[in-house]
Amino acid sequence: MNSTLDLSVVRGGDSATSYVNASARELRIQHRSAVLMLLKKQVALSGLEVRLLRERMHCSHRQLAEKLSIAPSVLSDWESGAVVLPAVEVRFRLCCAEHIGITLNIRTVLCSLVQAYREHQSALSVPPQRVATGR
């Protein structure tokens, strides 16, 4: 069995194609590094990142929603760009970390997520308008 994969890489702008030999082990290491970077990210995950991590865990919406104790519709909305509570995101990151077999120090990530969530909430709130009294 050949332990290398031929990956086609298309250069931007032209149709020239080159081939890169990468071992399956190297690809696994790169994927693991990318997942680790996402899990340590100190801002909220985007919907695309959530979907990619869920797929990396080989979980359906229903399976992951059960693990996170949320409704599948919340997970679907999150993957579509909705904002979730920091506690849900922390549970998700810990679940992903457990899946790939790493320990994640979540304290700094949690602090950053809470701050980002507060900023998002304050940006959504509309300041009270003055009511003209006619005096």
Protein backbone atom coordinates (compact mmCIF):
# COMPACT_ATOMS: atom_id res chain seq x y z
CA MET A 1 0.00 0.00 0.00
CA ASN A 2 1.37 3.40 -1.01
CA SER A 3 1.61 5.83 1.90
CA THR A 4 1.72 8.97 -0.27
CA LEU A 5 -1.15 10.77 -1.91
CA ASP A 6 -0.92 12.81 -5.10
CA LEU A 7 -2.70 16.10 -4.54
CA SER A 8 -3.55 18.30 -7.46
CA VAL A 9 -2.86 21.96 -6.79
CA VAL A 10 -4.21 24.52 -9.21
CA ARG A 11 -2.35 27.80 -9.25
CA GLY A 12 -4.52 30.88 -9.03
CA GLY A 13 -5.23 32.53 -12.34
CA ASP A 14 -3.77 29.98 -14.73
CA SER A 15 -4.66 26.43 -15.61
CA ALA A 16 -1.22 24.99 -14.94
CA THR A 17 -1.46 22.10 -12.54
CA SER A 18 1.32 20.74 -10.40
CA TYR A 19 1.38 17.70 -8.16
CA VAL A 20 2.55 17.62 -4.59
CA ASN A 21 3.44 14.42 -2.81
CA ALA A 22 2.26 14.40 0.76
CA SER A 23 2.17 11.42 3.06
CA ALA A 24 -1.07 10.53 4.80
CA ARG A 25 0.73 11.09 8.11
CA GLU A 26 1.71 14.63 7.09
CA LEU A 27 -1.87 15.39 6.09
CA ARG A 28 -3.21 14.10 9.41
CA ILE A 29 -0.69 16.30 11.25
CA GLN A 30 -1.73 19.35 9.21
CA HIS A 31 -5.44 18.68 9.78
CA ARG A 32 -4.86 18.21 13.51
CA SER A 33 -2.89 21.48 13.64
CA ALA A 34 -5.70 23.33 11.83
CA VAL A 35 -8.29 21.93 14.25
CA LEU A 36 -6.12 22.88 17.22
CA MET A 37 -5.77 26.45 15.90
CA LEU A 38 -9.56 26.73 15.59
CA LEU A 39 -10.11 25.36 19.09
CA LYS A 40 -7.64 27.86 20.58
CA LYS A 41 -9.04 30.78 18.60
CA GLN A 42 -9.86 33.63 20.97
CA VAL A 43 -12.86 34.91 19.06
CA ALA A 44 -16.12 33.20 18.30
CA LEU A 45 -16.07 30.46 15.68
CA SER A 46 -17.79 31.23 12.40
CA GLY A 47 -20.61 29.04 11.15
CA LEU A 48 -18.30 27.52 8.55
CA GLU A 49 -15.72 26.65 11.21
CA VAL A 50 -18.39 25.03 13.37
CA ARG A 51 -19.59 22.95 10.42
CA LEU A 52 -16.04 21.90 9.49
CA LEU A 53 -15.30 20.82 13.06
CA ARG A 54 -18.61 18.95 13.33
CA GLU A 55 -17.87 17.12 10.09
CA ARG A 56 -14.33 16.36 11.28
CA MET A 57 -15.94 14.67 14.30
CA HIS A 58 -18.21 12.69 11.95
CA CYS A 59 -21.32 13.89 13.82
CA SER A 60 -24.75 14.69 12.44
CA HIS A 61 -26.61 17.81 13.62
CA ARG A 62 -28.72 15.65 15.92
CA GLN A 63 -25.74 13.80 17.43
CA LEU A 64 -23.76 16.95 18.14
CA ALA A 65 -26.81 18.80 19.45
CA GLU A 66 -27.37 15.97 21.94
CA LYS A 67 -23.73 16.14 23.07
CA LEU A 68 -24.04 19.91 23.58
CA SER A 69 -27.52 19.71 25.16
CA ILE A 70 -28.99 22.09 22.59
CA ALA A 71 -31.73 21.78 20.00
CA PRO A 72 -30.59 20.71 16.51
CA SER A 73 -32.15 23.92 15.17
CA VAL A 74 -29.79 25.98 17.37
CA LEU A 75 -26.82 24.14 15.89
CA SER A 76 -28.18 24.65 12.38
CA ASP A 77 -28.67 28.38 13.04
CA TRP A 78 -25.15 28.58 14.48
CA GLU A 79 -23.70 27.00 11.34
CA SER A 80 -25.69 29.54 9.33
CA GLY A 81 -24.05 32.45 11.15
CA ALA A 82 -26.14 33.00 14.30
CA VAL A 83 -24.38 33.86 17.56
CA VAL A 84 -24.61 31.39 20.45
CA LEU A 85 -23.93 31.79 24.13
CA PRO A 86 -20.25 31.44 25.08
CA ALA A 87 -21.08 28.42 27.28
CA VAL A 88 -22.36 26.50 24.24
CA GLU A 89 -19.25 27.33 22.26
CA VAL A 90 -16.99 26.30 25.14
CA ARG A 91 -18.82 22.94 25.41
CA PHE A 92 -18.41 22.51 21.67
CA ARG A 93 -14.68 23.24 21.77
CA LEU A 94 -14.17 20.87 24.70
CA CYS A 95 -16.14 18.17 22.87
CA CYS A 96 -13.94 18.62 19.77
CA ALA A 97 -10.76 18.57 21.86
CA GLU A 98 -11.85 15.35 23.55
CA HIS A 99 -12.61 13.84 20.15
CA ILE A 100 -9.08 14.44 18.85
CA GLY A 101 -7.50 13.49 22.18
CA ILE A 102 -6.09 16.77 23.45
CA THR A 103 -6.49 18.76 26.64
CA LEU A 104 -7.66 22.31 26.05
CA ASN A 105 -7.05 25.12 28.55
CA ILE A 106 -10.30 26.92 28.00
CA ARG A 107 -10.00 29.76 30.53
CA THR A 108 -8.45 32.36 28.23
CA VAL A 109 -10.68 31.32 25.35
CA LEU A 110 -13.76 31.59 27.56
CA CYS A 111 -12.81 35.09 28.76
CA SER A 112 -12.35 36.24 25.17
CA LEU A 113 -15.63 34.66 24.06
CA VAL A 114 -17.58 36.28 26.90
CA GLN A 115 -16.10 39.67 26.01
CA ALA A 116 -16.90 39.21 22.30
CA TYR A 117 -20.46 38.10 23.17
CA ARG A 118 -20.99 41.17 25.38
CA GLU A 119 -19.74 43.45 22.61
CA HIS A 120 -22.07 41.75 20.13
CA GLN A 121 -25.04 42.15 22.50
CA SER A 122 -24.27 45.81 23.17
CA ALA A 123 -23.99 46.46 19.42
CA LEU A 124 -27.46 44.96 18.97
CA SER A 125 -29.08 47.02 21.70
CA VAL A 126 -30.65 50.25 20.55
CA PRO A 127 -30.28 53.23 22.88
CA PRO A 128 -33.60 54.57 24.16
CA GLN A 129 -35.00 57.36 22.02
CA ARG A 130 -36.04 60.68 23.47
CA VAL A 131 -39.73 61.28 23.34
CA ALA A 132 -40.78 64.79 22.47
CA THR A 133 -43.12 66.09 25.15
CA GLY A 134 -44.13 69.28 23.34
CA ARG A 135 -43.04 71.54 26.22
